[in-house]
Amino acid sequence: MFKKLLAKLAKLKVEPEPIDLSEFGDSLAESVSWKPAKGGGTNLKTHSLKQEDYNRYSFKTTYSAMIFFSSFVLMGVVLPIIIIKGNNFSNGIMSVDVLAIIGFGLLFMGVGLFMGYRFMRPIVFDKSVGFFWKGWKKPEMYGRDNPKGAIRLSDIHAFQILSEYIKSDKSSYHSYELNLILKDGTRHNVIDHGKLYALREDAQELSEFIGKPVWDITNR
């Protein structure tokens, strides 16, 4: 009887308390979405904000993130070598077992290289050209062929900080998003990682740099 009651209680959905957005004093805050703009996340601190000069801030990949994706590449190289050397495959290097092990290693390497590409790409706020962008191609102030996703700093209305609870079979944690809210109400993700205190500090520094407010609901 008691176990059945607990099972029923576990299935009940607890509705989250409504968020009071009136404190931001902006009608746009009440009309934009406050759900995660980017699904998933990490419990690592993947990026740190750095001031490169008077007109430019960029997010740099942290050492912990580099170690994380590099470990996948390293395992993709080392594990197949260890397994192959530790076993006597009668059909030589072209046997099905050996090819499967090599394929497994290449998969790990591919995952690591993909994460490295995602983590290492520049994330930049630059007043000299008047743009925010992600990627290696720098926008031009009056360019017509600017990279996809480049956003004029003048179009930014506010910075948004929110959290997402991520649960898996092995772990659960909160990941935190820093998003841009544009004047038309659309949102664009800047970074997403697991260290709230650092995200808040970075958002405040960018807020002072661009002169736009931070809307933060993570303390509710």
N, C-alpha and C. Protein backbone atom coordinates (compact mmCIF):
# COMPACT_ATOMS: atom_id res chain seq x y z
N MET A 1 0.83 -1.20 0.00
CA MET A 1 0.00 0.00 0.00
C MET A 1 0.87 1.26 0.00
N PHE A 2 1.84 1.27 0.91
CA PHE A 2 2.72 2.42 1.04
C PHE A 2 3.56 2.61 -0.22
N LYS A 3 4.05 1.49 -0.80
CA LYS A 3 4.85 1.56 -2.02
C LYS A 3 4.04 2.09 -3.19
N LYS A 4 2.76 1.68 -3.27
CA LYS A 4 1.88 2.16 -4.34
C LYS A 4 1.65 3.67 -4.23
N LEU A 5 1.50 4.13 -2.99
CA LEU A 5 1.30 5.56 -2.76
C LEU A 5 2.52 6.36 -3.20
N LEU A 6 3.71 5.86 -2.86
CA LEU A 6 4.94 6.54 -3.27
C LEU A 6 5.08 6.57 -4.79
N ALA A 7 4.69 5.47 -5.44
CA ALA A 7 4.78 5.41 -6.89
C ALA A 7 3.85 6.42 -7.54
N LYS A 8 2.65 6.59 -6.96
CA LYS A 8 1.70 7.56 -7.50
C LYS A 8 2.22 8.99 -7.31
N LEU A 9 2.81 9.25 -6.14
CA LEU A 9 3.34 10.57 -5.86
C LEU A 9 4.49 10.91 -6.80
N ALA A 10 5.31 9.91 -7.13
CA ALA A 10 6.45 10.13 -8.02
C ALA A 10 6.02 10.49 -9.42
N LYS A 11 4.81 10.04 -9.81
CA LYS A 11 4.32 10.30 -11.16
C LYS A 11 3.66 11.66 -11.28
N LEU A 12 3.34 12.25 -10.13
CA LEU A 12 2.69 13.55 -10.16
C LEU A 12 3.65 14.61 -10.68
N LYS A 13 3.20 15.46 -11.56
CA LYS A 13 4.02 16.53 -12.10
C LYS A 13 3.82 17.78 -11.26
N VAL A 14 4.91 18.29 -10.74
CA VAL A 14 4.86 19.51 -9.96
C VAL A 14 5.04 20.69 -10.90
N GLU A 15 4.03 21.52 -10.99
CA GLU A 15 4.11 22.67 -11.87
C GLU A 15 5.07 23.71 -11.31
N PRO A 16 5.99 24.21 -12.11
CA PRO A 16 6.92 25.22 -11.61
C PRO A 16 6.19 26.51 -11.27
N GLU A 17 6.72 27.23 -10.29
CA GLU A 17 6.13 28.50 -9.92
C GLU A 17 6.30 29.50 -11.07
N PRO A 18 5.27 30.30 -11.32
CA PRO A 18 5.39 31.29 -12.40
C PRO A 18 6.49 32.31 -12.10
N ILE A 19 7.18 32.71 -13.13
CA ILE A 19 8.29 33.66 -12.98
C ILE A 19 7.75 35.08 -13.08
N ASP A 20 8.07 35.91 -12.10
CA ASP A 20 7.67 37.31 -12.13
C ASP A 20 8.70 38.09 -12.93
N LEU A 21 8.33 38.46 -14.14
CA LEU A 21 9.25 39.16 -15.03
C LEU A 21 9.07 40.67 -14.97
N SER A 22 8.15 41.13 -14.15
CA SER A 22 7.87 42.56 -14.09
C SER A 22 9.05 43.34 -13.52
N GLU A 23 9.91 42.67 -12.75
CA GLU A 23 11.04 43.37 -12.14
C GLU A 23 12.02 43.91 -13.17
N PHE A 24 12.00 43.35 -14.39
CA PHE A 24 12.91 43.83 -15.42
C PHE A 24 12.42 45.14 -16.04
N GLY A 25 11.16 45.48 -15.78
CA GLY A 25 10.62 46.75 -16.26
C GLY A 25 10.62 46.88 -17.76
N ASP A 26 10.35 45.78 -18.46
CA ASP A 26 10.42 45.78 -19.92
C ASP A 26 9.38 44.80 -20.44
N SER A 27 8.50 45.26 -21.26
CA SER A 27 7.43 44.39 -21.78
C SER A 27 7.99 43.26 -22.64
N LEU A 28 9.15 43.48 -23.25
CA LEU A 28 9.73 42.43 -24.09
C LEU A 28 10.12 41.21 -23.26
N ALA A 29 10.53 41.45 -22.00
CA ALA A 29 10.91 40.34 -21.13
C ALA A 29 9.74 39.38 -20.90
N GLU A 30 8.52 39.90 -20.96
CA GLU A 30 7.35 39.07 -20.71
C GLU A 30 6.85 38.36 -21.96
N SER A 31 7.38 38.74 -23.11
CA SER A 31 6.91 38.12 -24.35
C SER A 31 7.91 37.13 -24.94
N VAL A 32 9.19 37.21 -24.56
CA VAL A 32 10.18 36.28 -25.11
C VAL A 32 10.10 34.94 -24.38
N SER A 33 10.67 33.93 -24.99
CA SER A 33 10.69 32.59 -24.38
C SER A 33 11.74 32.54 -23.27
N TRP A 34 11.38 31.81 -22.20
CA TRP A 34 12.32 31.59 -21.10
C TRP A 34 12.66 30.13 -20.96
N LYS A 35 12.43 29.38 -22.03
CA LYS A 35 12.87 27.99 -22.10
C LYS A 35 14.28 27.97 -22.70
N PRO A 36 15.04 26.89 -22.44
CA PRO A 36 16.40 26.82 -23.01
C PRO A 36 16.40 27.02 -24.52
N ALA A 37 17.30 27.87 -24.98
CA ALA A 37 17.43 28.11 -26.42
C ALA A 37 18.26 27.02 -27.09
N LYS A 38 19.08 26.34 -26.27
CA LYS A 38 19.96 25.29 -26.79
C LYS A 38 19.85 24.08 -25.88
N GLY A 39 19.32 22.99 -26.41
CA GLY A 39 19.15 21.79 -25.60
C GLY A 39 20.47 21.16 -25.20
N GLY A 40 20.47 20.53 -24.04
CA GLY A 40 21.69 19.87 -23.55
C GLY A 40 22.62 20.86 -22.91
N GLY A 41 23.82 20.42 -22.60
CA GLY A 41 24.79 21.28 -21.93
C GLY A 41 25.87 20.45 -21.27
N THR A 42 26.60 21.08 -20.38
CA THR A 42 27.69 20.39 -19.70
C THR A 42 27.83 20.93 -18.29
N ASN A 43 28.42 20.13 -17.42
CA ASN A 43 28.69 20.60 -16.06
C ASN A 43 30.09 21.21 -15.94
N LEU A 44 30.82 21.27 -17.06
CA LEU A 44 32.13 21.91 -17.08
C LEU A 44 32.00 23.40 -17.35
N LYS A 45 33.02 24.16 -16.99
CA LYS A 45 33.15 25.54 -17.46
C LYS A 45 33.92 25.48 -18.77
N THR A 46 33.24 25.67 -19.88
CA THR A 46 33.87 25.46 -21.18
C THR A 46 34.53 26.72 -21.74
N HIS A 47 34.08 27.91 -21.30
CA HIS A 47 34.61 29.15 -21.86
C HIS A 47 34.81 30.21 -20.78
N SER A 48 35.78 31.08 -21.03
CA SER A 48 36.02 32.24 -20.17
C SER A 48 36.08 33.49 -21.05
N LEU A 49 35.49 34.57 -20.56
CA LEU A 49 35.48 35.82 -21.31
C LEU A 49 36.80 36.56 -21.12
N LYS A 50 37.37 37.02 -22.22
CA LYS A 50 38.64 37.76 -22.18
C LYS A 50 38.49 39.06 -22.96
N GLN A 51 39.06 40.13 -22.42
CA GLN A 51 39.10 41.39 -23.15
C GLN A 51 40.38 41.44 -23.97
N GLU A 52 40.24 41.49 -25.28
CA GLU A 52 41.41 41.50 -26.17
C GLU A 52 41.95 42.91 -26.38
N ASP A 53 41.05 43.86 -26.48
CA ASP A 53 41.44 45.27 -26.53
C ASP A 53 40.24 46.10 -26.12
N TYR A 54 40.35 47.41 -26.28
CA TYR A 54 39.29 48.30 -25.82
C TYR A 54 37.95 48.02 -26.49
N ASN A 55 37.99 47.55 -27.73
CA ASN A 55 36.77 47.37 -28.53
C ASN A 55 36.33 45.92 -28.69
N ARG A 56 37.02 44.97 -28.05
CA ARG A 56 36.75 43.57 -28.38
C ARG A 56 36.84 42.66 -27.16
N TYR A 57 35.78 41.86 -27.00
CA TYR A 57 35.75 40.77 -26.02
C TYR A 57 35.52 39.47 -26.77
N SER A 58 36.12 38.40 -26.28
CA SER A 58 35.85 37.09 -26.88
C SER A 58 35.89 36.01 -25.80
N PHE A 59 35.18 34.93 -26.06
CA PHE A 59 35.18 33.77 -25.17
C PHE A 59 36.26 32.80 -25.63
N LYS A 60 37.11 32.41 -24.70
CA LYS A 60 38.19 31.47 -24.98
C LYS A 60 37.89 30.12 -24.32
N THR A 61 38.29 29.06 -24.99
CA THR A 61 38.09 27.71 -24.45
C THR A 61 38.95 27.51 -23.20
N THR A 62 38.36 26.94 -22.16
CA THR A 62 39.09 26.70 -20.92
C THR A 62 39.96 25.44 -21.05
N TYR A 63 40.94 25.31 -20.16
CA TYR A 63 41.80 24.13 -20.17
C TYR A 63 41.00 22.86 -19.87
N SER A 64 40.00 22.97 -19.00
CA SER A 64 39.20 21.79 -18.67
C SER A 64 38.44 21.28 -19.89
N ALA A 65 37.94 22.19 -20.72
CA ALA A 65 37.25 21.78 -21.94
C ALA A 65 38.24 21.17 -22.94
N MET A 66 39.44 21.75 -23.03
CA MET A 66 40.46 21.19 -23.93
C MET A 66 40.84 19.77 -23.52
N ILE A 67 41.02 19.57 -22.22
CA ILE A 67 41.35 18.23 -21.72
C ILE A 67 40.23 17.26 -22.02
N PHE A 68 39.00 17.74 -21.89
CA PHE A 68 37.82 16.88 -22.11
C PHE A 68 37.78 16.35 -23.54
N PHE A 69 37.84 17.26 -24.52
CA PHE A 69 37.72 16.75 -25.90
C PHE A 69 39.01 16.08 -26.37
N SER A 70 40.15 16.51 -25.82
CA SER A 70 41.41 15.86 -26.20
C SER A 70 41.47 14.42 -25.71
N SER A 71 40.80 14.14 -24.58
CA SER A 71 40.80 12.78 -24.04
C SER A 71 40.11 11.81 -25.00
N PHE A 72 39.10 12.28 -25.71
CA PHE A 72 38.43 11.43 -26.70
C PHE A 72 39.37 11.11 -27.85
N VAL A 73 40.10 12.13 -28.32
CA VAL A 73 41.05 11.90 -29.42
C VAL A 73 42.14 10.93 -28.97
N LEU A 74 42.65 11.14 -27.76
CA LEU A 74 43.72 10.28 -27.25
C LEU A 74 43.25 8.84 -27.10
N MET A 75 42.04 8.66 -26.57
CA MET A 75 41.51 7.29 -26.43
C MET A 75 41.31 6.64 -27.79
N GLY A 76 40.91 7.45 -28.77
CA GLY A 76 40.71 6.91 -30.12
C GLY A 76 42.00 6.41 -30.74
N VAL A 77 43.14 6.95 -30.30
CA VAL A 77 44.44 6.51 -30.82
C VAL A 77 45.03 5.39 -29.98
N VAL A 78 45.00 5.56 -28.66
CA VAL A 78 45.72 4.66 -27.76
C VAL A 78 44.98 3.33 -27.55
N LEU A 79 43.67 3.38 -27.34
CA LEU A 79 42.94 2.14 -27.02
C LEU A 79 43.05 1.08 -28.11
N PRO A 80 42.84 1.42 -29.39
CA PRO A 80 42.99 0.38 -30.42
C PRO A 80 44.39 -0.24 -30.44
N ILE A 81 45.42 0.59 -30.22
CA ILE A 81 46.80 0.07 -30.21
C ILE A 81 46.98 -0.92 -29.06
N ILE A 82 46.49 -0.57 -27.88
CA ILE A 82 46.62 -1.45 -26.71
C ILE A 82 45.87 -2.75 -26.92
N ILE A 83 44.65 -2.65 -27.45
CA ILE A 83 43.83 -3.86 -27.64
C ILE A 83 44.45 -4.77 -28.70
N ILE A 84 44.89 -4.18 -29.80
CA ILE A 84 45.46 -4.98 -30.89
C ILE A 84 46.76 -5.65 -30.45
N LYS A 85 47.62 -4.90 -29.73
CA LYS A 85 48.88 -5.47 -29.27
C LYS A 85 48.67 -6.53 -28.20
N GLY A 86 47.61 -6.40 -27.44
CA GLY A 86 47.37 -7.34 -26.35
C GLY A 86 46.65 -8.60 -26.77
N ASN A 87 46.26 -8.69 -28.04
CA ASN A 87 45.55 -9.86 -28.53
C ASN A 87 46.24 -10.38 -29.80
N ASN A 88 46.17 -11.69 -29.96
CA ASN A 88 46.77 -12.32 -31.13
C ASN A 88 45.68 -12.60 -32.16
N PHE A 89 45.56 -11.71 -33.14
CA PHE A 89 44.54 -11.87 -34.17
C PHE A 89 45.12 -12.70 -35.31
N SER A 90 44.58 -13.87 -35.49
CA SER A 90 45.14 -14.84 -36.43
C SER A 90 45.06 -14.39 -37.89
N ASN A 91 44.05 -13.57 -38.21
CA ASN A 91 43.90 -13.16 -39.61
C ASN A 91 44.63 -11.86 -39.95
N GLY A 92 45.46 -11.40 -39.03
CA GLY A 92 46.27 -10.22 -39.30
C GLY A 92 45.49 -8.92 -39.20
N ILE A 93 46.13 -7.87 -39.75
CA ILE A 93 45.61 -6.52 -39.60
C ILE A 93 44.28 -6.31 -40.31
N MET A 94 43.95 -7.13 -41.31
CA MET A 94 42.71 -6.94 -42.06
C MET A 94 41.58 -7.80 -41.55
N SER A 95 41.72 -8.43 -40.40
CA SER A 95 40.63 -9.24 -39.86
C SER A 95 39.47 -8.35 -39.45
N VAL A 96 38.28 -8.94 -39.37
CA VAL A 96 37.07 -8.19 -39.01
C VAL A 96 37.20 -7.58 -37.63
N ASP A 97 37.77 -8.35 -36.69
CA ASP A 97 37.92 -7.85 -35.32
C ASP A 97 38.82 -6.62 -35.25
N VAL A 98 39.93 -6.69 -35.95
CA VAL A 98 40.88 -5.57 -35.95
C VAL A 98 40.26 -4.33 -36.59
N LEU A 99 39.57 -4.54 -37.73
CA LEU A 99 38.93 -3.41 -38.41
C LEU A 99 37.85 -2.78 -37.52
N ALA A 100 37.14 -3.62 -36.77
CA ALA A 100 36.11 -3.11 -35.86
C ALA A 100 36.74 -2.27 -34.75
N ILE A 101 37.86 -2.73 -34.23
CA ILE A 101 38.56 -1.99 -33.16
C ILE A 101 39.07 -0.65 -33.70
N ILE A 102 39.65 -0.68 -34.91
CA ILE A 102 40.13 0.57 -35.52
C ILE A 102 38.96 1.53 -35.77
N GLY A 103 37.84 0.98 -36.23
CA GLY A 103 36.65 1.80 -36.46
C GLY A 103 36.14 2.43 -35.18
N PHE A 104 36.19 1.66 -34.09
CA PHE A 104 35.80 2.17 -32.77
C PHE A 104 36.71 3.34 -32.37
N GLY A 105 38.00 3.18 -32.62
CA GLY A 105 38.95 4.26 -32.31
C GLY A 105 38.69 5.50 -33.14
N LEU A 106 38.41 5.31 -34.42
CA LEU A 106 38.13 6.45 -35.30
C LEU A 106 36.87 7.19 -34.87
N LEU A 107 35.90 6.44 -34.35
CA LEU A 107 34.67 7.06 -33.85
C LEU A 107 34.98 7.98 -32.67
N PHE A 108 35.77 7.48 -31.73
CA PHE A 108 36.17 8.30 -30.58
C PHE A 108 36.92 9.55 -31.05
N MET A 109 37.83 9.36 -31.99
CA MET A 109 38.59 10.50 -32.51
C MET A 109 37.67 11.52 -33.17
N GLY A 110 36.70 11.02 -33.93
CA GLY A 110 35.76 11.92 -34.61
C GLY A 110 34.95 12.74 -33.63
N VAL A 111 34.49 12.09 -32.56
CA VAL A 111 33.71 12.80 -31.53
C VAL A 111 34.58 13.88 -30.88
N GLY A 112 35.82 13.52 -30.55
CA GLY A 112 36.72 14.47 -29.92
C GLY A 112 37.04 15.65 -30.82
N LEU A 113 37.30 15.38 -32.10
CA LEU A 113 37.62 16.45 -33.04
C LEU A 113 36.42 17.37 -33.27
N PHE A 114 35.22 16.78 -33.31
CA PHE A 114 34.02 17.58 -33.49
C PHE A 114 33.80 18.50 -32.29
N MET A 115 33.95 17.95 -31.07
CA MET A 115 33.82 18.77 -29.88
C MET A 115 34.88 19.87 -29.85
N GLY A 116 36.10 19.52 -30.26
CA GLY A 116 37.17 20.51 -30.30
C GLY A 116 36.84 21.64 -31.25
N TYR A 117 36.28 21.31 -32.40
CA TYR A 117 35.88 22.34 -33.37
C TYR A 117 34.82 23.25 -32.77
N ARG A 118 33.84 22.65 -32.09
CA ARG A 118 32.75 23.44 -31.50
C ARG A 118 33.26 24.31 -30.37
N PHE A 119 34.11 23.76 -29.52
CA PHE A 119 34.61 24.51 -28.36
C PHE A 119 35.60 25.61 -28.76
N MET A 120 36.42 25.35 -29.78
CA MET A 120 37.52 26.26 -30.10
C MET A 120 37.12 27.40 -31.04
N ARG A 121 36.00 27.32 -31.69
CA ARG A 121 35.64 28.38 -32.63
C ARG A 121 35.45 29.70 -31.89
N PRO A 122 35.87 30.81 -32.49
CA PRO A 122 35.77 32.11 -31.83
C PRO A 122 34.33 32.51 -31.54
N ILE A 123 34.13 33.15 -30.38
CA ILE A 123 32.85 33.75 -29.99
C ILE A 123 33.17 35.18 -29.61
N VAL A 124 32.76 36.14 -30.42
CA VAL A 124 33.34 37.48 -30.36
C VAL A 124 32.27 38.57 -30.29
N PHE A 125 32.55 39.58 -29.45
CA PHE A 125 31.82 40.85 -29.45
C PHE A 125 32.82 41.94 -29.82
N ASP A 126 32.61 42.61 -30.95
CA ASP A 126 33.62 43.54 -31.47
C ASP A 126 32.96 44.86 -31.88
N LYS A 127 33.29 45.93 -31.15
CA LYS A 127 32.74 47.25 -31.47
C LYS A 127 33.36 47.86 -32.72
N SER A 128 34.57 47.44 -33.06
CA SER A 128 35.23 48.04 -34.22
C SER A 128 34.50 47.72 -35.52
N VAL A 129 33.83 46.56 -35.58
CA VAL A 129 33.01 46.23 -36.75
C VAL A 129 31.52 46.27 -36.42
N GLY A 130 31.21 46.33 -35.10
CA GLY A 130 29.82 46.45 -34.68
C GLY A 130 29.04 45.16 -34.70
N PHE A 131 29.73 44.01 -34.49
CA PHE A 131 29.06 42.72 -34.60
C PHE A 131 29.41 41.77 -33.44
N PHE A 132 28.47 40.86 -33.20
CA PHE A 132 28.72 39.62 -32.45
C PHE A 132 28.69 38.49 -33.46
N TRP A 133 29.64 37.52 -33.31
CA TRP A 133 29.60 36.37 -34.20
C TRP A 133 30.29 35.17 -33.57
N LYS A 134 29.99 34.00 -34.13
CA LYS A 134 30.66 32.76 -33.80
C LYS A 134 31.32 32.22 -35.06
N GLY A 135 32.59 31.90 -34.99
CA GLY A 135 33.26 31.33 -36.15
C GLY A 135 34.51 32.10 -36.50
N TRP A 136 35.22 31.60 -37.53
CA TRP A 136 36.51 32.16 -37.90
C TRP A 136 36.41 33.30 -38.93
N LYS A 137 35.25 33.45 -39.54
CA LYS A 137 35.09 34.52 -40.53
C LYS A 137 34.58 35.78 -39.82
N LYS A 138 35.36 36.84 -39.92
CA LYS A 138 35.01 38.11 -39.27
C LYS A 138 34.05 38.91 -40.16
N PRO A 139 32.94 39.39 -39.60
CA PRO A 139 32.03 40.22 -40.39
C PRO A 139 32.67 41.56 -40.74
N GLU A 140 32.15 42.17 -41.78
CA GLU A 140 32.56 43.51 -42.16
C GLU A 140 31.45 44.49 -41.80
N MET A 141 31.84 45.67 -41.38
CA MET A 141 30.86 46.64 -40.90
C MET A 141 29.75 46.89 -41.93
N TYR A 142 30.14 47.01 -43.19
CA TYR A 142 29.15 47.27 -44.23
C TYR A 142 29.10 46.14 -45.25
N GLY A 143 29.54 44.96 -44.83
CA GLY A 143 29.58 43.83 -45.75
C GLY A 143 28.20 43.25 -46.01
N ARG A 144 28.03 42.75 -47.23
CA ARG A 144 26.76 42.10 -47.60
C ARG A 144 26.84 40.59 -47.49
N ASP A 145 28.06 40.06 -47.46
CA ASP A 145 28.26 38.61 -47.40
C ASP A 145 28.82 38.21 -46.04
N ASN A 146 28.20 38.71 -44.98
CA ASN A 146 28.67 38.41 -43.64
C ASN A 146 28.27 36.99 -43.24
N PRO A 147 29.02 36.36 -42.32
CA PRO A 147 28.72 34.97 -41.94
C PRO A 147 27.33 34.84 -41.34
N LYS A 148 26.73 33.69 -41.56
CA LYS A 148 25.41 33.41 -41.01
C LYS A 148 25.46 33.45 -39.49
N GLY A 149 24.49 34.11 -38.89
CA GLY A 149 24.44 34.20 -37.44
C GLY A 149 25.13 35.41 -36.86
N ALA A 150 25.84 36.19 -37.70
CA ALA A 150 26.46 37.42 -37.21
C ALA A 150 25.36 38.42 -36.86
N ILE A 151 25.49 39.06 -35.71
CA ILE A 151 24.44 39.94 -35.20
C ILE A 151 25.03 41.32 -34.91
N ARG A 152 24.38 42.34 -35.39
CA ARG A 152 24.82 43.70 -35.09
C ARG A 152 24.63 44.00 -33.61
N LEU A 153 25.64 44.59 -33.00
CA LEU A 153 25.55 44.92 -31.58
C LEU A 153 24.39 45.88 -31.31
N SER A 154 24.07 46.70 -32.28
CA SER A 154 22.97 47.65 -32.12
C SER A 154 21.61 46.97 -32.08
N ASP A 155 21.54 45.70 -32.52
CA ASP A 155 20.28 44.95 -32.50
C ASP A 155 20.05 44.21 -31.18
N ILE A 156 21.08 44.16 -30.32
CA ILE A 156 20.95 43.47 -29.04
C ILE A 156 20.14 44.32 -28.07
N HIS A 157 19.14 43.70 -27.47
CA HIS A 157 18.27 44.40 -26.51
C HIS A 157 18.62 44.07 -25.07
N ALA A 158 19.02 42.81 -24.83
CA ALA A 158 19.35 42.38 -23.46
C ALA A 158 20.09 41.06 -23.51
N PHE A 159 20.70 40.74 -22.36
CA PHE A 159 21.31 39.42 -22.16
C PHE A 159 20.38 38.60 -21.27
N GLN A 160 20.24 37.34 -21.58
CA GLN A 160 19.35 36.44 -20.83
C GLN A 160 20.16 35.30 -20.22
N ILE A 161 19.95 35.07 -18.92
CA ILE A 161 20.57 33.92 -18.25
C ILE A 161 19.48 33.02 -17.71
N LEU A 162 19.54 31.74 -18.06
CA LEU A 162 18.59 30.77 -17.53
C LEU A 162 19.28 29.43 -17.36
N SER A 163 18.59 28.52 -16.70
CA SER A 163 19.20 27.22 -16.40
C SER A 163 18.38 26.09 -17.02
N GLU A 164 19.05 24.97 -17.20
CA GLU A 164 18.40 23.75 -17.69
C GLU A 164 18.89 22.58 -16.85
N TYR A 165 17.93 21.80 -16.33
CA TYR A 165 18.28 20.62 -15.54
C TYR A 165 18.42 19.44 -16.48
N ILE A 166 19.59 18.82 -16.45
CA ILE A 166 19.90 17.72 -17.36
C ILE A 166 20.10 16.46 -16.53
N LYS A 167 19.36 15.42 -16.88
CA LYS A 167 19.42 14.17 -16.11
C LYS A 167 19.66 13.01 -17.06
N SER A 168 20.61 12.17 -16.69
CA SER A 168 20.90 10.95 -17.45
C SER A 168 20.94 9.77 -16.48
N ASP A 169 21.22 8.60 -17.01
CA ASP A 169 21.29 7.41 -16.16
C ASP A 169 22.44 7.48 -15.16
N LYS A 170 23.51 8.19 -15.52
CA LYS A 170 24.71 8.20 -14.68
C LYS A 170 24.87 9.47 -13.84
N SER A 171 24.28 10.58 -14.28
CA SER A 171 24.48 11.83 -13.55
C SER A 171 23.34 12.80 -13.83
N SER A 172 23.29 13.83 -13.03
CA SER A 172 22.34 14.92 -13.25
C SER A 172 23.00 16.23 -12.79
N TYR A 173 22.70 17.30 -13.48
CA TYR A 173 23.33 18.57 -13.17
C TYR A 173 22.55 19.70 -13.85
N HIS A 174 22.87 20.93 -13.49
CA HIS A 174 22.32 22.10 -14.14
C HIS A 174 23.34 22.66 -15.12
N SER A 175 22.87 23.04 -16.29
CA SER A 175 23.69 23.76 -17.24
C SER A 175 23.06 25.13 -17.44
N TYR A 176 23.89 26.15 -17.64
CA TYR A 176 23.40 27.52 -17.67
C TYR A 176 23.68 28.17 -19.01
N GLU A 177 22.68 28.88 -19.51
CA GLU A 177 22.78 29.51 -20.82
C GLU A 177 22.93 31.02 -20.70
N LEU A 178 23.76 31.58 -21.56
CA LEU A 178 23.79 33.01 -21.79
C LEU A 178 23.30 33.23 -23.21
N ASN A 179 22.17 33.93 -23.34
CA ASN A 179 21.57 34.18 -24.64
C ASN A 179 21.49 35.67 -24.91
N LEU A 180 21.46 36.02 -26.19
CA LEU A 180 21.17 37.38 -26.61
C LEU A 180 19.68 37.48 -26.92
N ILE A 181 19.05 38.53 -26.45
CA ILE A 181 17.68 38.85 -26.86
C ILE A 181 17.75 40.07 -27.76
N LEU A 182 17.27 39.91 -28.99
CA LEU A 182 17.30 41.01 -29.94
C LEU A 182 16.06 41.87 -29.82
N LYS A 183 16.08 43.00 -30.48
CA LYS A 183 14.98 43.96 -30.39
C LYS A 183 13.67 43.39 -30.90
N ASP A 184 13.75 42.43 -31.83
CA ASP A 184 12.53 41.83 -32.36
C ASP A 184 12.06 40.63 -31.54
N GLY A 185 12.76 40.34 -30.42
CA GLY A 185 12.35 39.25 -29.53
C GLY A 185 12.99 37.91 -29.83
N THR A 186 13.75 37.79 -30.90
CA THR A 186 14.43 36.53 -31.18
C THR A 186 15.62 36.37 -30.24
N ARG A 187 16.02 35.12 -30.06
CA ARG A 187 17.13 34.81 -29.14
C ARG A 187 18.24 34.07 -29.87
N HIS A 188 19.46 34.32 -29.41
CA HIS A 188 20.63 33.64 -29.97
C HIS A 188 21.53 33.22 -28.81
N ASN A 189 21.90 31.95 -28.81
CA ASN A 189 22.75 31.44 -27.73
C ASN A 189 24.19 31.92 -27.89
N VAL A 190 24.79 32.31 -26.77
CA VAL A 190 26.20 32.72 -26.77
C VAL A 190 27.06 31.57 -26.26
N ILE A 191 26.85 31.16 -25.00
CA ILE A 191 27.56 30.01 -24.43
C ILE A 191 26.60 29.25 -23.52
N ASP A 192 27.03 28.05 -23.15
CA ASP A 192 26.20 27.16 -22.34
C ASP A 192 27.14 26.25 -21.56
N HIS A 193 27.27 26.48 -20.25
CA HIS A 193 28.14 25.61 -19.45
C HIS A 193 27.65 25.51 -18.01
N GLY A 194 28.41 24.84 -17.15
CA GLY A 194 27.91 24.45 -15.84
C GLY A 194 28.32 25.34 -14.68
N LYS A 195 28.97 26.47 -14.91
CA LYS A 195 29.44 27.32 -13.80
C LYS A 195 28.68 28.65 -13.81
N LEU A 196 27.66 28.74 -12.97
CA LEU A 196 26.78 29.90 -12.96
C LEU A 196 27.50 31.17 -12.55
N TYR A 197 28.35 31.09 -11.51
CA TYR A 197 29.01 32.30 -11.02
C TYR A 197 29.84 32.94 -12.13
N ALA A 198 30.53 32.12 -12.93
CA ALA A 198 31.36 32.63 -14.02
C ALA A 198 30.50 33.22 -15.13
N LEU A 199 29.39 32.56 -15.42
CA LEU A 199 28.49 33.05 -16.46
C LEU A 199 27.92 34.41 -16.08
N ARG A 200 27.56 34.57 -14.81
CA ARG A 200 27.04 35.86 -14.35
C ARG A 200 28.08 36.96 -14.45
N GLU A 201 29.30 36.66 -14.06
CA GLU A 201 30.38 37.66 -14.15
C GLU A 201 30.62 38.06 -15.60
N ASP A 202 30.64 37.08 -16.50
CA ASP A 202 30.87 37.37 -17.91
C ASP A 202 29.72 38.22 -18.48
N ALA A 203 28.49 37.86 -18.11
CA ALA A 203 27.33 38.61 -18.60
C ALA A 203 27.36 40.06 -18.12
N GLN A 204 27.75 40.26 -16.87
CA GLN A 204 27.82 41.61 -16.34
C GLN A 204 28.88 42.44 -17.05
N GLU A 205 30.01 41.81 -17.36
CA GLU A 205 31.08 42.52 -18.07
C GLU A 205 30.64 42.90 -19.47
N LEU A 206 29.93 41.98 -20.14
CA LEU A 206 29.42 42.29 -21.48
C LEU A 206 28.32 43.34 -21.42
N SER A 207 27.53 43.30 -20.36
CA SER A 207 26.48 44.30 -20.18
C SER A 207 27.07 45.70 -20.10
N GLU A 208 28.14 45.85 -19.36
CA GLU A 208 28.80 47.15 -19.24
C GLU A 208 29.49 47.54 -20.54
N PHE A 209 30.00 46.56 -21.26
CA PHE A 209 30.70 46.82 -22.52
C PHE A 209 29.74 47.32 -23.60
N ILE A 210 28.56 46.71 -23.69
CA ILE A 210 27.61 47.05 -24.75
C ILE A 210 26.55 48.05 -24.27
N GLY A 211 26.33 48.08 -22.95
CA GLY A 211 25.32 48.98 -22.41
C GLY A 211 23.92 48.42 -22.49
N LYS A 212 23.78 47.10 -22.31
CA LYS A 212 22.49 46.45 -22.33
C LYS A 212 22.29 45.67 -21.03
N PRO A 213 21.05 45.53 -20.55
CA PRO A 213 20.81 44.89 -19.26
C PRO A 213 20.94 43.38 -19.30
N VAL A 214 21.11 42.79 -18.10
CA VAL A 214 21.12 41.34 -17.95
C VAL A 214 19.82 40.91 -17.28
N TRP A 215 19.11 40.00 -17.90
CA TRP A 215 17.89 39.43 -17.31
C TRP A 215 18.22 38.03 -16.83
N ASP A 216 18.25 37.86 -15.53
CA ASP A 216 18.72 36.63 -14.91
C ASP A 216 17.60 36.02 -14.04
N ILE A 217 17.18 34.80 -14.36
CA ILE A 217 16.12 34.16 -13.57
C ILE A 217 16.65 32.94 -12.81
N THR A 218 17.95 32.76 -12.77
CA THR A 218 18.51 31.55 -12.16
C THR A 218 18.42 31.55 -10.64
N ASN A 219 18.17 32.71 -10.03
CA ASN A 219 18.07 32.74 -8.57
C ASN A 219 16.64 32.60 -8.07
N ARG A 220 15.73 32.17 -8.95
CA ARG A 220 14.34 31.99 -8.54
C ARG A 220 14.07 30.55 -8.20
